[in-house]
């Protein structure tokens, strides 16, 4: 009985040989295999790499740096439950507008970029590159004022039923809470850094030494951010102190509904 790994190996070799690479050439010049960390690819006993290594002894297997980055982000999110409150809000935004063409048109009128990003991406910190999550978070930050104005307007729109108005009022209250603003800023700073690292690791010119230097630099940046926070976090902290951000009055929310992420 054939397994997926066997099919992958046969398909890969057929493809290479079909492009004119003989087994002798492959034995001499096939040097590396970079994949995700799935056992079917890098399993020690019967993974794709193990099977290819048996035929081509010089082959070096490598767990993709970018995939390792995504797994690291996923582990960090899992270890920090406060992030879930932030993710749930973004998911509510997506659900609110993706399910209603009318709501979507209203959002596009007040915050076009945000509408595009929400409908294109939907969720953040899910099974996707961090660059996608950053674009969504950046859109919320840039369109913060317009989004809040839209929520407040809809919360008093008599054309909507009481349930819809209450939903918009809840979204406005959540958006204007000090905890949410601090979390939004924290996620902006973190995802901006991770997005740049992710895109650098995907560059055609990347090498293992360069990737190692970039990753080591990022660790140093985050160690510093734990103490001082990033640029957007400092802006948010100042706004919390003044009680105002982009013309929106900020307020303390219940700790049950708005928890600050431990930076």
C-alpha atoms as a PDB file:
ATOM      1  CA  UNK A   1       0.000   0.000   0.000  1.00  0.00           C
ATOM      2  CA  UNK A   2       1.441   3.335  -1.055  1.00  0.00           C
ATOM      3  CA  UNK A   3       1.557   6.288   1.300  1.00  0.00           C
ATOM      4  CA  UNK A   4       1.517   9.995   0.513  1.00  0.00           C
ATOM      5  CA  UNK A   5       5.267  10.222   1.130  1.00  0.00           C
ATOM      6  CA  UNK A   6       5.901   7.555  -1.525  1.00  0.00           C
ATOM      7  CA  UNK A   7       3.802   9.454  -4.031  1.00  0.00           C
ATOM      8  CA  UNK A   8       5.670  12.690  -3.260  1.00  0.00           C
ATOM      9  CA  UNK A   9       9.058  11.021  -3.744  1.00  0.00           C
ATOM     10  CA  UNK A  10       8.062   9.387  -7.038  1.00  0.00           C
ATOM     11  CA  UNK A  11       6.470  12.597  -8.343  1.00  0.00           C
ATOM     12  CA  UNK A  12       9.505  14.678  -7.402  1.00  0.00           C
ATOM     13  CA  UNK A  13      11.963  12.330  -9.058  1.00  0.00           C
ATOM     14  CA  UNK A  14       9.808  11.956 -12.162  1.00  0.00           C
ATOM     15  CA  UNK A  15       9.630  15.739 -12.444  1.00  0.00           C
ATOM     16  CA  UNK A  16      13.405  16.173 -12.113  1.00  0.00           C
ATOM     17  CA  UNK A  17      14.219  13.364 -14.526  1.00  0.00           C
ATOM     18  CA  UNK A  18      11.575  14.676 -16.919  1.00  0.00           C
ATOM     19  CA  UNK A  19      13.458  17.978 -17.036  1.00  0.00           C
ATOM     20  CA  UNK A  20      16.654  16.262 -18.103  1.00  0.00           C
ATOM     21  CA  UNK A  21      18.321  15.508 -14.770  1.00  0.00           C
ATOM     22  CA  UNK A  22      19.634  11.961 -14.787  1.00  0.00           C
ATOM     23  CA  UNK A  23      20.042  10.009 -11.552  1.00  0.00           C
ATOM     24  CA  UNK A  24      23.824  10.420 -11.861  1.00  0.00           C
ATOM     25  CA  UNK A  25      23.457  14.194 -12.056  1.00  0.00           C
ATOM     26  CA  UNK A  26      21.056  14.195  -9.128  1.00  0.00           C
ATOM     27  CA  UNK A  27      23.422  12.041  -7.069  1.00  0.00           C
ATOM     28  CA  UNK A  28      26.179  14.586  -7.683  1.00  0.00           C
ATOM     29  CA  UNK A  29      24.248  17.866  -7.449  1.00  0.00           C
ATOM     30  CA  UNK A  30      21.078  17.386  -5.428  1.00  0.00           C
ATOM     31  CA  UNK A  31      22.225  19.009  -2.213  1.00  0.00           C
ATOM     32  CA  UNK A  32      19.254  20.200  -0.165  1.00  0.00           C
ATOM     33  CA  UNK A  33      15.570  19.683   0.546  1.00  0.00           C
ATOM     34  CA  UNK A  34      13.673  22.406   2.451  1.00  0.00           C
ATOM     35  CA  UNK A  35      10.126  21.559   3.544  1.00  0.00           C
ATOM     36  CA  UNK A  36       7.655  22.150   6.342  1.00  0.00           C
ATOM     37  CA  UNK A  37       8.093  20.064   9.492  1.00  0.00           C
ATOM     38  CA  UNK A  38       5.368  17.502   8.800  1.00  0.00           C
ATOM     39  CA  UNK A  39       6.382  13.931   9.599  1.00  0.00           C
ATOM     40  CA  UNK A  40       5.478  12.872   6.064  1.00  0.00           C
ATOM     41  CA  UNK A  41       8.265  15.168   4.841  1.00  0.00           C
ATOM     42  CA  UNK A  42      10.954  15.017   7.536  1.00  0.00           C
ATOM     43  CA  UNK A  43      10.034  11.821   9.404  1.00  0.00           C
ATOM     44  CA  UNK A  44      13.187   9.961  10.482  1.00  0.00           C
ATOM     45  CA  UNK A  45      11.960   6.498   9.559  1.00  0.00           C
ATOM     46  CA  UNK A  46      10.100   6.818   6.259  1.00  0.00           C
ATOM     47  CA  UNK A  47       9.685  10.523   5.479  1.00  0.00           C
ATOM     48  CA  UNK A  48      10.293  11.983   2.025  1.00  0.00           C
ATOM     49  CA  UNK A  49      13.708  13.272   3.078  1.00  0.00           C
ATOM     50  CA  UNK A  50      14.744   9.916   4.547  1.00  0.00           C
ATOM     51  CA  UNK A  51      13.800   8.106   1.339  1.00  0.00           C
ATOM     52  CA  UNK A  52      15.633  10.607  -0.856  1.00  0.00           C
ATOM     53  CA  UNK A  53      18.657  10.527   1.455  1.00  0.00           C
ATOM     54  CA  UNK A  54      18.889   6.773   0.910  1.00  0.00           C
ATOM     55  CA  UNK A  55      19.275   7.370  -2.841  1.00  0.00           C
ATOM     56  CA  UNK A  56      21.295  10.576  -2.630  1.00  0.00           C
ATOM     57  CA  UNK A  57      23.648  10.421   0.400  1.00  0.00           C
ATOM     58  CA  UNK A  58      24.825  14.046   0.042  1.00  0.00           C
ATOM     59  CA  UNK A  59      21.317  15.415   0.498  1.00  0.00           C
ATOM     60  CA  UNK A  60      20.710  17.761   3.462  1.00  0.00           C
ATOM     61  CA  UNK A  61      17.172  18.099   4.858  1.00  0.00           C
ATOM     62  CA  UNK A  62      16.028  21.424   6.286  1.00  0.00           C
ATOM     63  CA  UNK A  63      12.874  22.493   8.104  1.00  0.00           C
ATOM     64  CA  UNK A  64      11.813  25.707   6.328  1.00  0.00           C
ATOM     65  CA  UNK A  65      12.735  28.797   8.367  1.00  0.00           C
ATOM     66  CA  UNK A  66       9.503  30.533   7.447  1.00  0.00           C
ATOM     67  CA  UNK A  67       7.389  27.584   8.502  1.00  0.00           C
ATOM     68  CA  UNK A  68       9.259  27.419  11.798  1.00  0.00           C
ATOM     69  CA  UNK A  69       8.512  31.122  12.272  1.00  0.00           C
ATOM     70  CA  UNK A  70       4.782  30.489  11.766  1.00  0.00           C
ATOM     71  CA  UNK A  71       4.860  27.594  14.234  1.00  0.00           C
ATOM     72  CA  UNK A  72       6.628  29.819  16.773  1.00  0.00           C
ATOM     73  CA  UNK A  73       3.966  32.502  16.402  1.00  0.00           C
ATOM     74  CA  UNK A  74       1.247  29.879  16.782  1.00  0.00           C
ATOM     75  CA  UNK A  75       2.862  28.537  19.969  1.00  0.00           C
ATOM     76  CA  UNK A  76       3.182  32.058  21.399  1.00  0.00           C
ATOM     77  CA  UNK A  77      -0.492  32.765  20.700  1.00  0.00           C
ATOM     78  CA  UNK A  78      -1.544  29.468  22.290  1.00  0.00           C
ATOM     79  CA  UNK A  79       0.479  30.317  25.401  1.00  0.00           C
ATOM     80  CA  UNK A  80      -1.115  33.762  25.758  1.00  0.00           C
ATOM     81  CA  UNK A  81      -4.876  33.405  26.246  1.00  0.00           C
ATOM     82  CA  UNK A  82      -5.408  37.192  26.182  1.00  0.00           C
ATOM     83  CA  UNK A  83      -4.704  37.165  22.455  1.00  0.00           C
ATOM     84  CA  UNK A  84      -7.904  35.181  21.958  1.00  0.00           C
ATOM     85  CA  UNK A  85     -10.029  38.190  22.982  1.00  0.00           C
ATOM     86  CA  UNK A  86      -8.321  40.203  20.265  1.00  0.00           C
ATOM     87  CA  UNK A  87      -8.740  37.445  17.670  1.00  0.00           C
ATOM     88  CA  UNK A  88     -12.432  37.081  18.531  1.00  0.00           C
ATOM     89  CA  UNK A  89     -13.046  40.792  17.919  1.00  0.00           C
ATOM     90  CA  UNK A  90     -11.414  40.656  14.488  1.00  0.00           C
ATOM     91  CA  UNK A  91     -13.434  37.546  13.683  1.00  0.00           C
ATOM     92  CA  UNK A  92     -16.624  39.368  14.701  1.00  0.00           C
ATOM     93  CA  UNK A  93     -15.693  42.184  12.338  1.00  0.00           C
ATOM     94  CA  UNK A  94     -15.279  39.699   9.523  1.00  0.00           C
ATOM     95  CA  UNK A  95     -18.544  37.909  10.321  1.00  0.00           C
ATOM     96  CA  UNK A  96     -20.487  41.164  10.670  1.00  0.00           C
ATOM     97  CA  UNK A  97     -19.511  42.397   7.221  1.00  0.00           C
ATOM     98  CA  UNK A  98     -19.005  39.240   5.202  1.00  0.00           C
ATOM     99  CA  UNK A  99     -22.546  38.031   5.911  1.00  0.00           C
ATOM    100  CA  UNK A 100     -24.283  41.248   4.871  1.00  0.00           C
ATOM    101  CA  UNK A 101     -23.758  43.129   1.575  1.00  0.00           C
ATOM    102  CA  UNK A 102     -25.443  46.153   3.172  1.00  0.00           C
ATOM    103  CA  UNK A 103     -23.032  46.181   6.100  1.00  0.00           C
ATOM    104  CA  UNK A 104     -20.153  45.660   3.699  1.00  0.00           C
ATOM    105  CA  UNK A 105     -21.130  48.682   1.595  1.00  0.00           C
ATOM    106  CA  UNK A 106     -21.402  50.770   4.763  1.00  0.00           C
ATOM    107  CA  UNK A 107     -17.941  49.672   5.870  1.00  0.00           C
ATOM    108  CA  UNK A 108     -16.405  50.348   2.451  1.00  0.00           C
ATOM    109  CA  UNK A 109     -17.881  53.852   2.549  1.00  0.00           C
ATOM    110  CA  UNK A 110     -16.183  54.730   5.845  1.00  0.00           C
ATOM    111  CA  UNK A 111     -13.099  52.518   5.719  1.00  0.00           C
ATOM    112  CA  UNK A 112     -12.401  51.096   2.279  1.00  0.00           C
ATOM    113  CA  UNK A 113      -8.998  49.577   3.028  1.00  0.00           C
ATOM    114  CA  UNK A 114     -10.318  47.803   6.116  1.00  0.00           C
ATOM    115  CA  UNK A 115     -13.200  46.346   4.134  1.00  0.00           C
ATOM    116  CA  UNK A 116     -10.838  44.945   1.533  1.00  0.00           C
ATOM    117  CA  UNK A 117      -8.526  43.382   4.112  1.00  0.00           C
ATOM    118  CA  UNK A 118     -11.289  41.869   6.240  1.00  0.00           C
ATOM    119  CA  UNK A 119     -12.979  40.198   3.301  1.00  0.00           C
ATOM    120  CA  UNK A 120      -9.691  39.044   1.817  1.00  0.00           C
ATOM    121  CA  UNK A 121      -8.261  37.605   5.017  1.00  0.00           C
ATOM    122  CA  UNK A 122     -11.019  37.296   7.599  1.00  0.00           C
ATOM    123  CA  UNK A 123      -9.091  35.760  10.457  1.00  0.00           C
ATOM    124  CA  UNK A 124      -5.741  36.627  11.961  1.00  0.00           C
ATOM    125  CA  UNK A 125      -3.069  34.428  13.499  1.00  0.00           C
ATOM    126  CA  UNK A 126      -4.674  31.406  11.924  1.00  0.00           C
ATOM    127  CA  UNK A 127      -3.070  28.964   9.479  1.00  0.00           C
ATOM    128  CA  UNK A 128      -1.601  31.669   7.248  1.00  0.00           C
ATOM    129  CA  UNK A 129       1.505  33.830   6.889  1.00  0.00           C
ATOM    130  CA  UNK A 130       1.932  36.538   9.536  1.00  0.00           C
ATOM    131  CA  UNK A 131       2.140  39.142   6.752  1.00  0.00           C
ATOM    132  CA  UNK A 132      -1.565  38.567   6.089  1.00  0.00           C
ATOM    133  CA  UNK A 133      -2.421  39.069   9.756  1.00  0.00           C
ATOM    134  CA  UNK A 134      -0.385  42.274   9.823  1.00  0.00           C
ATOM    135  CA  UNK A 135      -2.297  43.766   6.896  1.00  0.00           C
ATOM    136  CA  UNK A 136      -5.584  43.247   8.732  1.00  0.00           C
ATOM    137  CA  UNK A 137      -4.314  44.716  12.009  1.00  0.00           C
ATOM    138  CA  UNK A 138      -2.781  47.692  10.193  1.00  0.00           C
ATOM    139  CA  UNK A 139      -6.098  48.337   8.427  1.00  0.00           C
ATOM    140  CA  UNK A 140      -7.948  48.425  11.771  1.00  0.00           C
ATOM    141  CA  UNK A 141      -5.336  50.836  13.200  1.00  0.00           C
ATOM    142  CA  UNK A 142      -5.397  53.173  10.177  1.00  0.00           C
ATOM    143  CA  UNK A 143      -9.216  53.168   9.989  1.00  0.00           C
ATOM    144  CA  UNK A 144      -9.787  53.240  13.759  1.00  0.00           C
ATOM    145  CA  UNK A 145     -11.607  56.578  13.845  1.00  0.00           C
ATOM    146  CA  UNK A 146     -13.801  55.862  10.800  1.00  0.00           C
ATOM    147  CA  UNK A 147     -14.658  52.408  12.102  1.00  0.00           C
ATOM    148  CA  UNK A 148     -15.717  53.765  15.493  1.00  0.00           C
ATOM    149  CA  UNK A 149     -17.820  56.472  13.839  1.00  0.00           C
ATOM    150  CA  UNK A 150     -19.524  53.820  11.719  1.00  0.00           C
ATOM    151  CA  UNK A 151     -20.283  51.694  14.782  1.00  0.00           C
ATOM    152  CA  UNK A 152     -21.743  54.647  16.671  1.00  0.00           C
ATOM    153  CA  UNK A 153     -23.844  55.732  13.706  1.00  0.00           C
ATOM    154  CA  UNK A 154     -25.216  52.227  13.202  1.00  0.00           C
ATOM    155  CA  UNK A 155     -25.938  51.826  16.918  1.00  0.00           C
ATOM    156  CA  UNK A 156     -28.545  54.609  16.683  1.00  0.00           C
ATOM    157  CA  UNK A 157     -29.842  53.835  13.191  1.00  0.00           C
ATOM    158  CA  UNK A 158     -33.578  53.256  13.537  1.00  0.00           C
ATOM    159  CA  UNK A 159     -33.598  51.357  10.258  1.00  0.00           C
ATOM    160  CA  UNK A 160     -31.841  48.543  12.090  1.00  0.00           C
ATOM    161  CA  UNK A 161     -33.547  46.336  14.628  1.00  0.00           C
ATOM    162  CA  UNK A 162     -32.679  46.527  18.318  1.00  0.00           C
ATOM    163  CA  UNK A 163     -30.431  43.467  18.185  1.00  0.00           C
ATOM    164  CA  UNK A 164     -28.313  44.926  15.382  1.00  0.00           C
ATOM    165  CA  UNK A 165     -28.075  48.297  17.104  1.00  0.00           C
ATOM    166  CA  UNK A 166     -26.967  46.622  20.309  1.00  0.00           C
ATOM    167  CA  UNK A 167     -24.349  44.636  18.407  1.00  0.00           C
ATOM    168  CA  UNK A 168     -22.883  47.791  16.888  1.00  0.00           C
ATOM    169  CA  UNK A 169     -22.915  49.530  20.266  1.00  0.00           C
ATOM    170  CA  UNK A 170     -21.008  46.615  21.758  1.00  0.00           C
ATOM    171  CA  UNK A 171     -18.439  46.781  18.959  1.00  0.00           C
ATOM    172  CA  UNK A 172     -18.005  50.533  19.495  1.00  0.00           C
ATOM    173  CA  UNK A 173     -17.504  50.033  23.234  1.00  0.00           C
ATOM    174  CA  UNK A 174     -14.967  47.280  22.603  1.00  0.00           C
ATOM    175  CA  UNK A 175     -13.062  49.346  20.050  1.00  0.00           C
ATOM    176  CA  UNK A 176     -12.847  52.382  22.346  1.00  0.00           C
ATOM    177  CA  UNK A 177     -11.651  50.455  25.396  1.00  0.00           C
ATOM    178  CA  UNK A 178      -8.137  51.190  26.600  1.00  0.00           C
ATOM    179  CA  UNK A 179      -7.280  47.487  26.706  1.00  0.00           C
ATOM    180  CA  UNK A 180      -8.259  46.964  23.066  1.00  0.00           C
ATOM    181  CA  UNK A 181      -6.229  49.957  21.875  1.00  0.00           C
ATOM    182  CA  UNK A 182      -3.149  48.756  23.747  1.00  0.00           C
ATOM    183  CA  UNK A 183      -3.616  45.252  22.330  1.00  0.00           C
ATOM    184  CA  UNK A 184      -4.106  46.610  18.817  1.00  0.00           C
ATOM    185  CA  UNK A 185      -0.896  48.615  19.103  1.00  0.00           C
ATOM    186  CA  UNK A 186       1.018  45.680  20.576  1.00  0.00           C
ATOM    187  CA  UNK A 187      -0.137  43.373  17.765  1.00  0.00           C
ATOM    188  CA  UNK A 188       0.689  46.040  15.171  1.00  0.00           C
ATOM    189  CA  UNK A 189       4.275  46.349  16.434  1.00  0.00           C
ATOM    190  CA  UNK A 190       4.812  42.602  16.757  1.00  0.00           C
ATOM    191  CA  UNK A 191       3.227  41.614  13.455  1.00  0.00           C
ATOM    192  CA  UNK A 192       5.013  44.396  11.573  1.00  0.00           C
ATOM    193  CA  UNK A 193       8.348  42.976  12.698  1.00  0.00           C
ATOM    194  CA  UNK A 194       7.299  39.391  12.009  1.00  0.00           C
ATOM    195  CA  UNK A 195       5.861  40.336   8.615  1.00  0.00           C
ATOM    196  CA  UNK A 196       9.145  41.881   7.522  1.00  0.00           C
ATOM    197  CA  UNK A 197      11.065  38.848   8.773  1.00  0.00           C
ATOM    198  CA  UNK A 198       8.671  36.463   7.023  1.00  0.00           C
ATOM    199  CA  UNK A 199       8.978  38.281   3.702  1.00  0.00           C
ATOM    200  CA  UNK A 200      12.773  38.425   4.032  1.00  0.00           C
ATOM    201  CA  UNK A 201      12.900  34.675   4.639  1.00  0.00           C
ATOM    202  CA  UNK A 202      10.902  34.139   1.441  1.00  0.00           C
ATOM    203  CA  UNK A 203      13.278  36.178  -0.726  1.00  0.00           C
ATOM    204  CA  UNK A 204      15.035  34.377  -3.578  1.00  0.00           C
ATOM    205  CA  UNK A 205      18.361  35.728  -2.314  1.00  0.00           C
ATOM    206  CA  UNK A 206      18.030  34.289   1.210  1.00  0.00           C
ATOM    207  CA  UNK A 207      20.804  32.060   2.532  1.00  0.00           C
ATOM    208  CA  UNK A 208      21.022  30.046   5.746  1.00  0.00           C
ATOM    209  CA  UNK A 209      23.622  32.368   7.332  1.00  0.00           C
ATOM    210  CA  UNK A 210      21.541  35.446   6.437  1.00  0.00           C
ATOM    211  CA  UNK A 211      18.352  33.814   7.718  1.00  0.00           C
ATOM    212  CA  UNK A 212      20.101  32.982  10.990  1.00  0.00           C
ATOM    213  CA  UNK A 213      21.291  36.594  11.382  1.00  0.00           C
ATOM    214  CA  UNK A 214      17.806  37.962  10.671  1.00  0.00           C
ATOM    215  CA  UNK A 215      16.205  35.611  13.181  1.00  0.00           C
ATOM    216  CA  UNK A 216      18.796  36.387  15.852  1.00  0.00           C
ATOM    217  CA  UNK A 217      18.246  40.116  15.301  1.00  0.00           C
ATOM    218  CA  UNK A 218      14.505  39.652  15.678  1.00  0.00           C
ATOM    219  CA  UNK A 219      14.967  37.877  18.993  1.00  0.00           C
ATOM    220  CA  UNK A 220      17.000  40.842  20.263  1.00  0.00           C
ATOM    221  CA  UNK A 221      14.311  43.282  19.105  1.00  0.00           C
ATOM    222  CA  UNK A 222      11.571  41.361  20.900  1.00  0.00           C
ATOM    223  CA  UNK A 223      13.619  41.100  24.084  1.00  0.00           C
ATOM    224  CA  UNK A 224      13.812  44.892  24.025  1.00  0.00           C
ATOM    225  CA  UNK A 225      10.105  45.253  23.190  1.00  0.00           C
ATOM    226  CA  UNK A 226       9.195  43.218  26.276  1.00  0.00           C
ATOM    227  CA  UNK A 227      10.621  46.041  28.381  1.00  0.00           C
ATOM    228  CA  UNK A 228       9.833  49.188  26.404  1.00  0.00           C
ATOM    229  CA  UNK A 229       7.162  48.352  23.850  1.00  0.00           C
ATOM    230  CA  UNK A 230       7.233  49.369  20.181  1.00  0.00           C
ATOM    231  CA  UNK A 231       6.414  52.648  18.442  1.00  0.00           C
ATOM    232  CA  UNK A 232       2.658  52.081  18.134  1.00  0.00           C
ATOM    233  CA  UNK A 233       2.461  50.784  21.712  1.00  0.00           C
ATOM    234  CA  UNK A 234       4.026  54.006  22.961  1.00  0.00           C
ATOM    235  CA  UNK A 235       1.480  56.021  20.953  1.00  0.00           C
ATOM    236  CA  UNK A 236      -1.341  53.941  22.445  1.00  0.00           C
ATOM    237  CA  UNK A 237       0.028  54.327  25.978  1.00  0.00           C
ATOM    238  CA  UNK A 238       0.114  58.109  25.585  1.00  0.00           C
ATOM    239  CA  UNK A 239      -3.453  58.040  24.225  1.00  0.00           C
ATOM    240  CA  UNK A 240      -4.606  56.007  27.235  1.00  0.00           C
ATOM    241  CA  UNK A 241      -3.007  58.575  29.545  1.00  0.00           C
ATOM    242  CA  UNK A 242      -4.854  61.425  27.813  1.00  0.00           C
ATOM    243  CA  UNK A 243      -8.081  59.466  27.401  1.00  0.00           C
ATOM    244  CA  UNK A 244      -8.306  60.213  23.673  1.00  0.00           C
ATOM    245  CA  UNK A 245      -7.128  58.509  20.469  1.00  0.00           C
ATOM    246  CA  UNK A 246      -7.774  60.033  17.030  1.00  0.00           C
ATOM    247  CA  UNK A 247     -10.749  61.935  18.397  1.00  0.00           C
ATOM    248  CA  UNK A 248     -12.268  58.856  20.048  1.00  0.00           C
ATOM    249  CA  UNK A 249     -12.827  59.000  23.811  1.00  0.00           C
ATOM    250  CA  UNK A 250     -11.279  55.984  25.493  1.00  0.00           C
ATOM    251  CA  UNK A 251     -12.698  54.226  28.519  1.00  0.00           C
ATOM    252  CA  UNK A 252     -11.852  51.410  30.856  1.00  0.00           C
ATOM    253  CA  UNK A 253     -13.729  48.199  30.091  1.00  0.00           C
ATOM    254  CA  UNK A 254     -14.557  45.234  32.275  1.00  0.00           C
ATOM    255  CA  UNK A 255     -11.584  42.918  32.753  1.00  0.00           C
ATOM    256  CA  UNK A 256     -13.880  40.061  31.773  1.00  0.00           C
ATOM    257  CA  UNK A 257     -14.389  41.430  28.265  1.00  0.00           C
ATOM    258  CA  UNK A 258     -11.132  43.278  27.677  1.00  0.00           C
ATOM    259  CA  UNK A 259      -7.859  41.819  28.881  1.00  0.00           C
ATOM    260  CA  UNK A 260      -4.506  43.363  28.081  1.00  0.00           C
ATOM    261  CA  UNK A 261      -2.030  41.106  26.339  1.00  0.00           C
ATOM    262  CA  UNK A 262       1.116  40.513  28.363  1.00  0.00           C
ATOM    263  CA  UNK A 263       3.730  42.034  26.110  1.00  0.00           C
END
